[in-house]
Amino acid sequence: MSAQFITIEGSEGGGKTTNLELMKTLLEDAGIPYVVTREPGGTELAEQLRELLLACRDEPVTPQAELLLMFAARSQHVENFIKPELAKGNWVISDRFTDATFAYQGGGRKLSWQLIEELELIAIDGFKPNLTLLLDLDPNIGLGRAAQRGEFDRFEQEEIEFFNRVRSAYLRRMQEDELRFMLVDASQSLEDVQTSITKQFNAFLEQHR
């Protein structure tokens, strides 16, 4: 069974952290070796870029600068962490990947879809996950949940219209590559969400045994 690259996506408050733990448990139960990472981040340099991207600051960050920093971090992440781990036979689970860039910079910031596709090719040679779990949720509900976690970062401080565009962009990505995506309605109870994930994820594992 070849090692698989799995990503978990969704806007704020969708339960990515909780459900990433579930996916780890399912892999452990199946006896599959894995590592967990995140974006932006995953390597020393990429984590430094993450700090620059998420920090609240007086100087406005242009959408283009934000996009380029995201792909700079991703290039480091793919070449220095993800690909080497897959080569070792470890499955890789990442909290966000390129779909988040299409959603946040493409949808939220209204940058060109084509521009992001071109940068994806330049920075990571079009490298994509084998499976993407998309936790879909109304932004009004998600931001209410996120507010309970504490202080917002630079992205979480955006207006609701920004997050409506993010959600639409995620759904557009899914429509463009439906076979890669595992869609879950994150507005359900945690029990129902995790039942859905378990059923779909176990079916994916069976296909790759």
N, C-alpha and C. Protein backbone atom coordinates (compact mmCIF):
# COMPACT_ATOMS: atom_id res chain seq x y z
N MET A 1 0.85 -1.19 0.00
CA MET A 1 0.00 0.00 0.00
C MET A 1 0.88 1.24 0.00
N SER A 2 0.71 2.11 -1.00
CA SER A 2 1.55 3.30 -1.09
C SER A 2 1.09 4.34 -0.09
N ALA A 3 2.03 5.14 0.40
CA ALA A 3 1.71 6.19 1.35
C ALA A 3 0.82 7.24 0.67
N GLN A 4 -0.12 7.78 1.43
CA GLN A 4 -1.09 8.73 0.90
C GLN A 4 -0.95 10.09 1.59
N PHE A 5 -1.21 11.14 0.83
CA PHE A 5 -1.19 12.51 1.36
C PHE A 5 -2.63 12.97 1.53
N ILE A 6 -3.00 13.26 2.77
CA ILE A 6 -4.38 13.61 3.12
C ILE A 6 -4.41 15.01 3.71
N THR A 7 -5.37 15.82 3.28
CA THR A 7 -5.50 17.17 3.84
C THR A 7 -6.88 17.34 4.45
N ILE A 8 -6.97 18.25 5.41
CA ILE A 8 -8.24 18.58 6.03
C ILE A 8 -8.45 20.08 5.87
N GLU A 9 -9.60 20.46 5.33
CA GLU A 9 -9.86 21.85 4.96
C GLU A 9 -11.20 22.31 5.52
N GLY A 10 -11.37 23.62 5.52
CA GLY A 10 -12.61 24.22 5.97
C GLY A 10 -12.33 25.55 6.63
N SER A 11 -13.34 26.36 6.75
CA SER A 11 -13.19 27.68 7.34
C SER A 11 -13.19 27.59 8.86
N GLU A 12 -13.11 28.74 9.51
CA GLU A 12 -13.03 28.82 10.96
C GLU A 12 -14.23 28.17 11.63
N GLY A 13 -13.96 27.44 12.73
CA GLY A 13 -15.02 26.85 13.52
C GLY A 13 -15.59 25.56 12.98
N GLY A 14 -14.98 25.01 11.94
CA GLY A 14 -15.51 23.80 11.32
C GLY A 14 -15.12 22.51 12.03
N GLY A 15 -14.19 22.61 12.97
CA GLY A 15 -13.80 21.42 13.73
C GLY A 15 -12.62 20.67 13.15
N LYS A 16 -11.73 21.39 12.44
CA LYS A 16 -10.58 20.71 11.83
C LYS A 16 -9.71 20.01 12.87
N THR A 17 -9.41 20.70 13.96
CA THR A 17 -8.52 20.13 14.97
C THR A 17 -9.11 18.87 15.59
N THR A 18 -10.37 18.92 15.96
CA THR A 18 -11.04 17.77 16.57
C THR A 18 -11.09 16.59 15.62
N ASN A 19 -11.41 16.85 14.37
CA ASN A 19 -11.58 15.76 13.43
C ASN A 19 -10.26 15.26 12.86
N LEU A 20 -9.22 16.07 12.94
CA LEU A 20 -7.88 15.57 12.62
C LEU A 20 -7.49 14.49 13.63
N GLU A 21 -7.85 14.70 14.88
CA GLU A 21 -7.57 13.69 15.91
C GLU A 21 -8.30 12.38 15.60
N LEU A 22 -9.52 12.49 15.09
CA LEU A 22 -10.27 11.29 14.71
C LEU A 22 -9.56 10.55 13.58
N MET A 23 -9.09 11.28 12.58
CA MET A 23 -8.40 10.64 11.45
C MET A 23 -7.12 9.95 11.90
N LYS A 24 -6.42 10.57 12.87
CA LYS A 24 -5.24 9.93 13.43
C LYS A 24 -5.60 8.60 14.08
N THR A 25 -6.70 8.59 14.82
CA THR A 25 -7.15 7.36 15.48
C THR A 25 -7.50 6.29 14.47
N LEU A 26 -8.16 6.67 13.39
CA LEU A 26 -8.54 5.70 12.36
C LEU A 26 -7.31 5.10 11.68
N LEU A 27 -6.28 5.92 11.47
CA LEU A 27 -5.04 5.40 10.89
C LEU A 27 -4.34 4.47 11.86
N GLU A 28 -4.32 4.84 13.12
CA GLU A 28 -3.70 3.99 14.14
C GLU A 28 -4.42 2.64 14.23
N ASP A 29 -5.75 2.68 14.20
CA ASP A 29 -6.53 1.44 14.27
C ASP A 29 -6.25 0.53 13.07
N ALA A 30 -5.92 1.17 11.93
CA ALA A 30 -5.63 0.40 10.72
C ALA A 30 -4.16 -0.02 10.65
N GLY A 31 -3.37 0.39 11.64
CA GLY A 31 -1.95 0.03 11.66
C GLY A 31 -1.12 0.74 10.60
N ILE A 32 -1.54 1.95 10.24
CA ILE A 32 -0.85 2.71 9.18
C ILE A 32 0.05 3.77 9.81
N PRO A 33 1.34 3.80 9.47
CA PRO A 33 2.24 4.84 10.00
C PRO A 33 1.92 6.19 9.36
N TYR A 34 1.97 7.25 10.17
CA TYR A 34 1.61 8.56 9.64
C TYR A 34 2.36 9.66 10.39
N VAL A 35 2.36 10.84 9.80
CA VAL A 35 2.85 12.05 10.46
C VAL A 35 1.80 13.14 10.23
N VAL A 36 1.80 14.14 11.11
CA VAL A 36 0.84 15.24 11.02
C VAL A 36 1.59 16.55 10.83
N THR A 37 1.07 17.42 9.99
CA THR A 37 1.70 18.70 9.75
C THR A 37 0.62 19.76 9.53
N ARG A 38 1.03 20.97 9.18
CA ARG A 38 0.05 22.04 9.00
C ARG A 38 0.56 23.07 8.01
N GLU A 39 -0.40 23.89 7.53
CA GLU A 39 -0.04 24.99 6.63
C GLU A 39 -0.73 26.27 7.08
N PRO A 40 -0.06 27.43 6.88
CA PRO A 40 1.37 27.47 6.55
C PRO A 40 2.19 26.93 7.70
N GLY A 41 3.30 26.31 7.37
CA GLY A 41 4.17 25.73 8.39
C GLY A 41 4.72 24.39 7.95
N GLY A 42 5.19 23.62 8.92
CA GLY A 42 5.66 22.27 8.64
C GLY A 42 7.17 22.11 8.61
N THR A 43 7.89 23.20 8.38
CA THR A 43 9.36 23.19 8.46
C THR A 43 9.78 24.45 9.22
N GLU A 44 11.04 24.54 9.58
CA GLU A 44 11.49 25.70 10.36
C GLU A 44 11.22 27.01 9.64
N LEU A 45 11.61 27.09 8.36
CA LEU A 45 11.39 28.32 7.61
C LEU A 45 9.90 28.57 7.38
N ALA A 46 9.16 27.53 7.05
CA ALA A 46 7.72 27.68 6.79
C ALA A 46 6.98 28.15 8.05
N GLU A 47 7.43 27.69 9.22
CA GLU A 47 6.80 28.15 10.46
C GLU A 47 7.10 29.63 10.72
N GLN A 48 8.29 30.08 10.35
CA GLN A 48 8.61 31.50 10.48
C GLN A 48 7.72 32.34 9.56
N LEU A 49 7.49 31.83 8.35
CA LEU A 49 6.60 32.52 7.42
C LEU A 49 5.17 32.51 7.95
N ARG A 50 4.77 31.44 8.63
CA ARG A 50 3.44 31.37 9.24
C ARG A 50 3.25 32.52 10.23
N GLU A 51 4.26 32.74 11.06
CA GLU A 51 4.18 33.81 12.05
C GLU A 51 3.99 35.17 11.36
N LEU A 52 4.71 35.38 10.27
CA LEU A 52 4.56 36.63 9.52
C LEU A 52 3.15 36.77 8.95
N LEU A 53 2.59 35.67 8.47
CA LEU A 53 1.29 35.70 7.82
C LEU A 53 0.14 35.90 8.79
N LEU A 54 0.23 35.32 9.97
CA LEU A 54 -0.90 35.35 10.90
C LEU A 54 -0.88 36.53 11.87
N ALA A 55 0.28 37.14 12.07
CA ALA A 55 0.40 38.21 13.05
C ALA A 55 -0.41 39.44 12.64
N CYS A 56 -1.08 40.04 13.63
CA CYS A 56 -1.77 41.30 13.39
C CYS A 56 -0.71 42.41 13.38
N ARG A 57 -0.81 43.33 12.41
CA ARG A 57 0.21 44.37 12.28
C ARG A 57 -0.43 45.66 11.77
N ASP A 58 0.26 46.77 11.98
CA ASP A 58 -0.23 48.06 11.51
C ASP A 58 -0.09 48.19 10.00
N GLU A 59 1.01 47.66 9.47
CA GLU A 59 1.23 47.76 8.01
C GLU A 59 0.30 46.79 7.28
N PRO A 60 -0.50 47.28 6.33
CA PRO A 60 -1.37 46.38 5.58
C PRO A 60 -0.55 45.39 4.76
N VAL A 61 -1.00 44.16 4.72
CA VAL A 61 -0.36 43.13 3.89
C VAL A 61 -1.13 43.04 2.59
N THR A 62 -0.47 43.27 1.47
CA THR A 62 -1.19 43.21 0.19
C THR A 62 -1.59 41.76 -0.10
N PRO A 63 -2.70 41.56 -0.78
CA PRO A 63 -3.11 40.19 -1.14
C PRO A 63 -2.03 39.45 -1.92
N GLN A 64 -1.31 40.18 -2.79
CA GLN A 64 -0.27 39.53 -3.59
C GLN A 64 0.89 39.07 -2.72
N ALA A 65 1.30 39.91 -1.75
CA ALA A 65 2.38 39.52 -0.85
C ALA A 65 1.97 38.32 -0.02
N GLU A 66 0.72 38.33 0.45
CA GLU A 66 0.19 37.21 1.23
C GLU A 66 0.23 35.91 0.42
N LEU A 67 -0.18 36.00 -0.83
CA LEU A 67 -0.19 34.83 -1.72
C LEU A 67 1.21 34.28 -1.93
N LEU A 68 2.17 35.17 -2.19
CA LEU A 68 3.54 34.72 -2.44
C LEU A 68 4.17 34.10 -1.20
N LEU A 69 3.89 34.66 -0.04
CA LEU A 69 4.40 34.07 1.20
C LEU A 69 3.81 32.68 1.44
N MET A 70 2.54 32.53 1.13
CA MET A 70 1.89 31.22 1.28
C MET A 70 2.60 30.17 0.43
N PHE A 71 2.87 30.52 -0.82
CA PHE A 71 3.50 29.54 -1.71
C PHE A 71 4.98 29.34 -1.40
N ALA A 72 5.63 30.35 -0.87
CA ALA A 72 7.02 30.17 -0.44
C ALA A 72 7.07 29.14 0.69
N ALA A 73 6.18 29.28 1.66
CA ALA A 73 6.11 28.32 2.76
C ALA A 73 5.75 26.93 2.25
N ARG A 74 4.84 26.88 1.30
CA ARG A 74 4.39 25.58 0.78
C ARG A 74 5.49 24.87 0.00
N SER A 75 6.27 25.61 -0.75
CA SER A 75 7.37 25.00 -1.49
C SER A 75 8.34 24.31 -0.53
N GLN A 76 8.69 25.00 0.55
CA GLN A 76 9.56 24.42 1.56
C GLN A 76 8.93 23.18 2.19
N HIS A 77 7.66 23.29 2.48
CA HIS A 77 6.92 22.22 3.14
C HIS A 77 6.89 20.95 2.29
N VAL A 78 6.56 21.12 1.03
CA VAL A 78 6.43 19.96 0.13
C VAL A 78 7.78 19.27 -0.07
N GLU A 79 8.80 20.05 -0.38
CA GLU A 79 10.09 19.46 -0.73
C GLU A 79 10.88 18.95 0.48
N ASN A 80 10.74 19.63 1.61
CA ASN A 80 11.57 19.30 2.77
C ASN A 80 10.86 18.48 3.84
N PHE A 81 9.55 18.30 3.69
CA PHE A 81 8.84 17.50 4.68
C PHE A 81 7.88 16.48 4.06
N ILE A 82 6.92 16.94 3.28
CA ILE A 82 5.86 16.04 2.81
C ILE A 82 6.41 14.93 1.91
N LYS A 83 7.12 15.30 0.87
CA LYS A 83 7.64 14.28 -0.05
C LYS A 83 8.62 13.32 0.64
N PRO A 84 9.55 13.81 1.48
CA PRO A 84 10.43 12.87 2.18
C PRO A 84 9.68 11.89 3.09
N GLU A 85 8.63 12.37 3.76
CA GLU A 85 7.86 11.47 4.64
C GLU A 85 7.11 10.42 3.83
N LEU A 86 6.53 10.82 2.71
CA LEU A 86 5.83 9.87 1.85
C LEU A 86 6.82 8.82 1.31
N ALA A 87 8.03 9.27 0.98
CA ALA A 87 9.06 8.35 0.48
C ALA A 87 9.46 7.32 1.52
N LYS A 88 9.34 7.69 2.80
CA LYS A 88 9.64 6.75 3.89
C LYS A 88 8.51 5.74 4.11
N GLY A 89 7.37 5.99 3.47
CA GLY A 89 6.22 5.10 3.67
C GLY A 89 5.22 5.61 4.67
N ASN A 90 5.45 6.83 5.18
CA ASN A 90 4.51 7.41 6.14
C ASN A 90 3.40 8.17 5.42
N TRP A 91 2.15 7.93 5.83
CA TRP A 91 1.06 8.76 5.35
C TRP A 91 1.22 10.14 5.99
N VAL A 92 0.80 11.17 5.27
CA VAL A 92 0.92 12.54 5.76
C VAL A 92 -0.47 13.16 5.86
N ILE A 93 -0.80 13.68 7.03
CA ILE A 93 -2.05 14.43 7.22
C ILE A 93 -1.68 15.89 7.44
N SER A 94 -2.22 16.77 6.63
CA SER A 94 -1.92 18.19 6.77
C SER A 94 -3.19 19.00 7.07
N ASP A 95 -3.08 19.84 8.08
CA ASP A 95 -4.13 20.80 8.39
C ASP A 95 -3.98 21.96 7.41
N ARG A 96 -4.75 21.91 6.34
CA ARG A 96 -4.76 22.84 5.21
C ARG A 96 -3.64 22.55 4.21
N PHE A 97 -3.91 22.96 2.94
CA PHE A 97 -2.92 22.88 1.86
C PHE A 97 -3.36 23.86 0.78
N THR A 98 -3.11 23.58 -0.48
CA THR A 98 -3.35 24.55 -1.54
C THR A 98 -4.82 24.93 -1.70
N ASP A 99 -5.74 24.04 -1.38
CA ASP A 99 -7.16 24.39 -1.47
C ASP A 99 -7.47 25.61 -0.60
N ALA A 100 -6.77 25.73 0.53
CA ALA A 100 -6.98 26.89 1.40
C ALA A 100 -6.54 28.18 0.72
N THR A 101 -5.53 28.11 -0.13
CA THR A 101 -5.07 29.30 -0.85
C THR A 101 -6.10 29.72 -1.89
N PHE A 102 -6.67 28.76 -2.59
CA PHE A 102 -7.75 29.10 -3.52
C PHE A 102 -8.93 29.70 -2.76
N ALA A 103 -9.21 29.17 -1.56
CA ALA A 103 -10.35 29.65 -0.79
C ALA A 103 -10.10 31.04 -0.20
N TYR A 104 -8.97 31.20 0.50
CA TYR A 104 -8.72 32.45 1.22
C TYR A 104 -8.16 33.56 0.34
N GLN A 105 -7.17 33.24 -0.49
CA GLN A 105 -6.61 34.29 -1.35
C GLN A 105 -7.43 34.44 -2.64
N GLY A 106 -7.91 33.32 -3.18
CA GLY A 106 -8.72 33.39 -4.39
C GLY A 106 -10.13 33.89 -4.10
N GLY A 107 -10.80 33.23 -3.15
CA GLY A 107 -12.16 33.62 -2.81
C GLY A 107 -12.18 34.85 -1.91
N GLY A 108 -11.55 34.73 -0.74
CA GLY A 108 -11.59 35.82 0.23
C GLY A 108 -10.97 37.10 -0.27
N ARG A 109 -9.76 37.02 -0.83
CA ARG A 109 -9.05 38.23 -1.30
C ARG A 109 -9.38 38.59 -2.75
N LYS A 110 -10.12 37.75 -3.42
CA LYS A 110 -10.55 37.99 -4.81
C LYS A 110 -9.39 38.02 -5.80
N LEU A 111 -8.33 37.26 -5.52
CA LEU A 111 -7.23 37.16 -6.48
C LEU A 111 -7.59 36.19 -7.59
N SER A 112 -6.92 36.34 -8.72
CA SER A 112 -7.21 35.53 -9.90
C SER A 112 -6.99 34.04 -9.66
N TRP A 113 -8.00 33.25 -10.02
CA TRP A 113 -7.90 31.78 -9.92
C TRP A 113 -6.75 31.29 -10.78
N GLN A 114 -6.63 31.87 -11.98
CA GLN A 114 -5.56 31.46 -12.90
C GLN A 114 -4.18 31.77 -12.33
N LEU A 115 -4.05 32.92 -11.66
CA LEU A 115 -2.77 33.28 -11.04
C LEU A 115 -2.37 32.24 -10.00
N ILE A 116 -3.32 31.82 -9.20
CA ILE A 116 -3.02 30.82 -8.16
C ILE A 116 -2.65 29.49 -8.80
N GLU A 117 -3.34 29.12 -9.86
CA GLU A 117 -3.00 27.87 -10.56
C GLU A 117 -1.58 27.93 -11.11
N GLU A 118 -1.19 29.10 -11.64
CA GLU A 118 0.16 29.25 -12.19
C GLU A 118 1.21 29.15 -11.09
N LEU A 119 0.95 29.77 -9.94
CA LEU A 119 1.88 29.70 -8.82
C LEU A 119 1.96 28.28 -8.25
N GLU A 120 0.83 27.58 -8.27
CA GLU A 120 0.81 26.19 -7.82
C GLU A 120 1.75 25.35 -8.68
N LEU A 121 1.76 25.62 -9.96
CA LEU A 121 2.64 24.88 -10.87
C LEU A 121 4.10 25.26 -10.65
N ILE A 122 4.37 26.54 -10.47
CA ILE A 122 5.74 27.01 -10.28
C ILE A 122 6.31 26.53 -8.94
N ALA A 123 5.53 26.68 -7.87
CA ALA A 123 6.06 26.44 -6.52
C ALA A 123 6.13 24.96 -6.15
N ILE A 124 5.12 24.19 -6.57
CA ILE A 124 5.07 22.78 -6.13
C ILE A 124 4.80 21.82 -7.28
N ASP A 125 4.94 22.30 -8.50
CA ASP A 125 4.78 21.47 -9.70
C ASP A 125 3.41 20.77 -9.70
N GLY A 126 2.39 21.47 -9.23
CA GLY A 126 1.04 20.93 -9.25
C GLY A 126 0.79 19.79 -8.27
N PHE A 127 1.66 19.59 -7.32
CA PHE A 127 1.53 18.51 -6.33
C PHE A 127 0.21 18.64 -5.57
N LYS A 128 -0.56 17.54 -5.47
CA LYS A 128 -1.88 17.57 -4.86
C LYS A 128 -2.06 16.42 -3.87
N PRO A 129 -2.99 16.58 -2.92
CA PRO A 129 -3.31 15.48 -2.00
C PRO A 129 -4.01 14.33 -2.71
N ASN A 130 -3.96 13.16 -2.09
CA ASN A 130 -4.73 12.01 -2.57
C ASN A 130 -6.18 12.10 -2.11
N LEU A 131 -6.37 12.72 -0.95
CA LEU A 131 -7.71 12.86 -0.37
C LEU A 131 -7.78 14.16 0.41
N THR A 132 -8.91 14.87 0.27
CA THR A 132 -9.13 16.10 1.03
C THR A 132 -10.47 16.03 1.74
N LEU A 133 -10.43 16.12 3.06
CA LEU A 133 -11.65 16.21 3.87
C LEU A 133 -12.05 17.67 3.95
N LEU A 134 -13.24 18.00 3.45
CA LEU A 134 -13.74 19.37 3.49
C LEU A 134 -14.90 19.45 4.49
N LEU A 135 -14.66 20.18 5.57
CA LEU A 135 -15.68 20.40 6.59
C LEU A 135 -16.43 21.68 6.23
N ASP A 136 -17.62 21.52 5.69
CA ASP A 136 -18.40 22.65 5.17
C ASP A 136 -19.33 23.18 6.25
N LEU A 137 -19.35 24.52 6.41
CA LEU A 137 -20.12 25.12 7.49
C LEU A 137 -20.49 26.56 7.15
N ASP A 138 -21.70 26.97 7.50
CA ASP A 138 -22.12 28.36 7.36
C ASP A 138 -21.15 29.23 8.18
N PRO A 139 -20.56 30.26 7.57
CA PRO A 139 -19.58 31.08 8.30
C PRO A 139 -20.12 31.74 9.56
N ASN A 140 -21.41 32.06 9.59
CA ASN A 140 -21.98 32.65 10.79
C ASN A 140 -21.86 31.70 11.98
N ILE A 141 -22.11 30.43 11.73
CA ILE A 141 -21.98 29.42 12.78
C ILE A 141 -20.51 29.22 13.12
N GLY A 142 -19.67 29.12 12.10
CA GLY A 142 -18.25 28.87 12.32
C GLY A 142 -17.56 29.95 13.11
N LEU A 143 -17.84 31.22 12.78
CA LEU A 143 -17.19 32.32 13.50
C LEU A 143 -17.67 32.39 14.95
N GLY A 144 -18.93 32.01 15.17
CA GLY A 144 -19.43 31.96 16.53
C GLY A 144 -18.69 30.92 17.35
N ARG A 145 -18.42 29.79 16.75
CA ARG A 145 -17.64 28.75 17.43
C ARG A 145 -16.21 29.21 17.65
N ALA A 146 -15.62 29.83 16.62
CA ALA A 146 -14.22 30.26 16.71
C ALA A 146 -14.03 31.31 17.80
N ALA A 147 -15.05 32.15 18.00
CA ALA A 147 -14.94 33.21 19.00
C ALA A 147 -14.76 32.65 20.41
N GLN A 148 -15.23 31.42 20.61
CA GLN A 148 -15.12 30.81 21.93
C GLN A 148 -13.69 30.34 22.23
N ARG A 149 -12.85 30.28 21.18
CA ARG A 149 -11.47 29.82 21.38
C ARG A 149 -10.56 30.90 21.92
N GLY A 150 -10.95 32.18 21.77
CA GLY A 150 -10.09 33.26 22.23
C GLY A 150 -9.85 34.30 21.16
N GLU A 151 -8.73 34.97 21.25
CA GLU A 151 -8.42 36.10 20.36
C GLU A 151 -8.24 35.65 18.92
N PHE A 152 -8.79 36.44 17.99
CA PHE A 152 -8.71 36.13 16.57
C PHE A 152 -7.34 36.50 16.00
N ASP A 153 -6.86 35.70 15.00
CA ASP A 153 -5.65 36.09 14.27
C ASP A 153 -6.05 37.04 13.14
N ARG A 154 -5.08 37.39 12.29
CA ARG A 154 -5.33 38.40 11.25
C ARG A 154 -6.43 37.98 10.28
N PHE A 155 -6.51 36.69 9.96
CA PHE A 155 -7.53 36.22 9.03
C PHE A 155 -8.90 36.18 9.69
N GLU A 156 -8.94 35.73 10.93
CA GLU A 156 -10.22 35.58 11.63
C GLU A 156 -10.90 36.92 11.90
N GLN A 157 -10.17 38.02 11.76
CA GLN A 157 -10.74 39.34 11.99
C GLN A 157 -11.47 39.90 10.77
N GLU A 158 -11.47 39.15 9.67
CA GLU A 158 -12.14 39.62 8.45
C GLU A 158 -13.66 39.66 8.64
N GLU A 159 -14.34 40.41 7.75
CA GLU A 159 -15.80 40.52 7.80
C GLU A 159 -16.46 39.24 7.30
N ILE A 160 -17.75 39.08 7.60
CA ILE A 160 -18.47 37.86 7.25
C ILE A 160 -18.50 37.64 5.73
N GLU A 161 -18.53 38.73 4.94
CA GLU A 161 -18.55 38.58 3.48
C GLU A 161 -17.30 37.86 2.99
N PHE A 162 -16.17 38.13 3.64
CA PHE A 162 -14.92 37.46 3.30
C PHE A 162 -15.09 35.95 3.45
N PHE A 163 -15.66 35.51 4.56
CA PHE A 163 -15.80 34.08 4.82
C PHE A 163 -16.88 33.43 3.96
N ASN A 164 -17.86 34.20 3.54
CA ASN A 164 -18.84 33.66 2.58
C ASN A 164 -18.14 33.35 1.26
N ARG A 165 -17.22 34.23 0.84
CA ARG A 165 -16.47 33.99 -0.39
C ARG A 165 -15.52 32.80 -0.23
N VAL A 166 -14.93 32.67 0.97
CA VAL A 166 -14.06 31.53 1.25
C VAL A 166 -14.84 30.22 1.08
N ARG A 167 -16.01 30.17 1.68
CA ARG A 167 -16.83 28.95 1.59
C ARG A 167 -17.17 28.63 0.14
N SER A 168 -17.58 29.64 -0.62
CA SER A 168 -17.94 29.42 -2.03
C SER A 168 -16.75 28.91 -2.83
N ALA A 169 -15.56 29.43 -2.52
CA ALA A 169 -14.36 29.00 -3.24
C ALA A 169 -14.02 27.55 -2.90
N TYR A 170 -14.17 27.16 -1.65
CA TYR A 170 -13.94 25.76 -1.28
C TYR A 170 -14.87 24.84 -2.07
N LEU A 171 -16.14 25.22 -2.15
CA LEU A 171 -17.11 24.38 -2.86
C LEU A 171 -16.80 24.35 -4.36
N ARG A 172 -16.29 25.46 -4.89
CA ARG A 172 -15.88 25.47 -6.30
C ARG A 172 -14.72 24.50 -6.51
N ARG A 173 -13.75 24.51 -5.60
CA ARG A 173 -12.62 23.57 -5.70
C ARG A 173 -13.11 22.13 -5.71
N MET A 174 -14.07 21.83 -4.85
CA MET A 174 -14.60 20.48 -4.78
C MET A 174 -15.27 20.08 -6.09
N GLN A 175 -16.02 21.01 -6.67
CA GLN A 175 -16.70 20.73 -7.93
C GLN A 175 -15.71 20.47 -9.06
N GLU A 176 -14.54 21.09 -8.99
CA GLU A 176 -13.54 20.94 -10.03
C GLU A 176 -12.76 19.62 -9.90
N ASP A 177 -12.82 19.00 -8.74
CA ASP A 177 -12.02 17.79 -8.49
C ASP A 177 -12.76 16.88 -7.51
N GLU A 178 -13.99 16.50 -7.86
CA GLU A 178 -14.89 15.83 -6.91
C GLU A 178 -14.34 14.52 -6.36
N LEU A 179 -13.61 13.77 -7.16
CA LEU A 179 -13.13 12.47 -6.72
C LEU A 179 -12.11 12.57 -5.59
N ARG A 180 -11.45 13.71 -5.49
CA ARG A 180 -10.44 13.90 -4.44
C ARG A 180 -11.07 14.29 -3.10
N PHE A 181 -12.26 14.85 -3.14
CA PHE A 181 -12.84 15.43 -1.93
C PHE A 181 -13.78 14.49 -1.20
N MET A 182 -13.77 14.61 0.12
CA MET A 182 -14.71 13.96 1.02
C MET A 182 -15.44 15.07 1.75
N LEU A 183 -16.69 15.32 1.38
CA LEU A 183 -17.45 16.44 1.92
C LEU A 183 -18.23 16.01 3.15
N VAL A 184 -18.14 16.84 4.22
CA VAL A 184 -18.87 16.56 5.44
C VAL A 184 -19.58 17.84 5.89
N ASP A 185 -20.85 17.72 6.24
CA ASP A 185 -21.63 18.84 6.76
C ASP A 185 -21.23 19.07 8.22
N ALA A 186 -20.44 20.10 8.46
CA ALA A 186 -19.91 20.34 9.80
C ALA A 186 -20.89 21.05 10.72
N SER A 187 -22.10 21.35 10.23
CA SER A 187 -23.11 21.96 11.09
C SER A 187 -23.83 20.91 11.94
N GLN A 188 -23.62 19.64 11.63
CA GLN A 188 -24.24 18.56 12.39
C GLN A 188 -23.61 18.46 13.78
N SER A 189 -24.19 17.61 14.60
CA SER A 189 -23.59 17.33 15.90
C SER A 189 -22.23 16.68 15.68
N LEU A 190 -21.34 16.80 16.68
CA LEU A 190 -20.02 16.19 16.56
C LEU A 190 -20.13 14.70 16.31
N GLU A 191 -21.06 14.05 16.96
CA GLU A 191 -21.25 12.60 16.77
C GLU A 191 -21.58 12.28 15.33
N ASP A 192 -22.51 13.04 14.73
CA ASP A 192 -22.90 12.78 13.34
C ASP A 192 -21.76 13.10 12.38
N VAL A 193 -21.03 14.19 12.66
CA VAL A 193 -19.88 14.55 11.82
C VAL A 193 -18.86 13.41 11.84
N GLN A 194 -18.55 12.92 13.01
CA GLN A 194 -17.52 11.89 13.12
C GLN A 194 -17.99 10.54 12.59
N THR A 195 -19.27 10.27 12.66
CA THR A 195 -19.80 9.05 12.04
C THR A 195 -19.62 9.10 10.53
N SER A 196 -19.91 10.27 9.94
CA SER A 196 -19.76 10.45 8.50
C SER A 196 -18.30 10.33 8.07
N ILE A 197 -17.42 10.98 8.83
CA ILE A 197 -15.99 10.91 8.51
C ILE A 197 -15.49 9.48 8.61
N THR A 198 -15.86 8.80 9.68
CA THR A 198 -15.39 7.42 9.89
C THR A 198 -15.82 6.51 8.74
N LYS A 199 -17.07 6.63 8.32
CA LYS A 199 -17.58 5.80 7.24
C LYS A 199 -16.83 6.07 5.93
N GLN A 200 -16.69 7.33 5.58
CA GLN A 200 -16.04 7.69 4.31
C GLN A 200 -14.54 7.41 4.34
N PHE A 201 -13.91 7.71 5.47
CA PHE A 201 -12.47 7.53 5.56
C PHE A 201 -12.09 6.05 5.57
N ASN A 202 -12.88 5.23 6.26
CA ASN A 202 -12.61 3.80 6.26
C ASN A 202 -12.78 3.21 4.85
N ALA A 203 -13.72 3.73 4.09
CA ALA A 203 -13.90 3.28 2.71
C ALA A 203 -12.67 3.64 1.88
N PHE A 204 -12.10 4.82 2.13
CA PHE A 204 -10.86 5.23 1.44
C PHE A 204 -9.72 4.29 1.83
N LEU A 205 -9.61 3.96 3.11
CA LEU A 205 -8.54 3.07 3.56
C LEU A 205 -8.66 1.69 2.89
N GLU A 206 -9.88 1.20 2.76
CA GLU A 206 -10.09 -0.11 2.14
C GLU A 206 -9.62 -0.09 0.68
N GLN A 207 -9.82 1.04 0.01
CA GLN A 207 -9.40 1.14 -1.40
C GLN A 207 -7.88 1.11 -1.55
N HIS A 208 -7.16 1.45 -0.48
CA HIS A 208 -5.70 1.57 -0.58
C HIS A 208 -4.96 0.55 0.23
N ARG A 209 -5.62 -0.52 0.58
CA ARG A 209 -4.94 -1.62 1.28
C ARG A 209 -4.19 -2.49 0.28
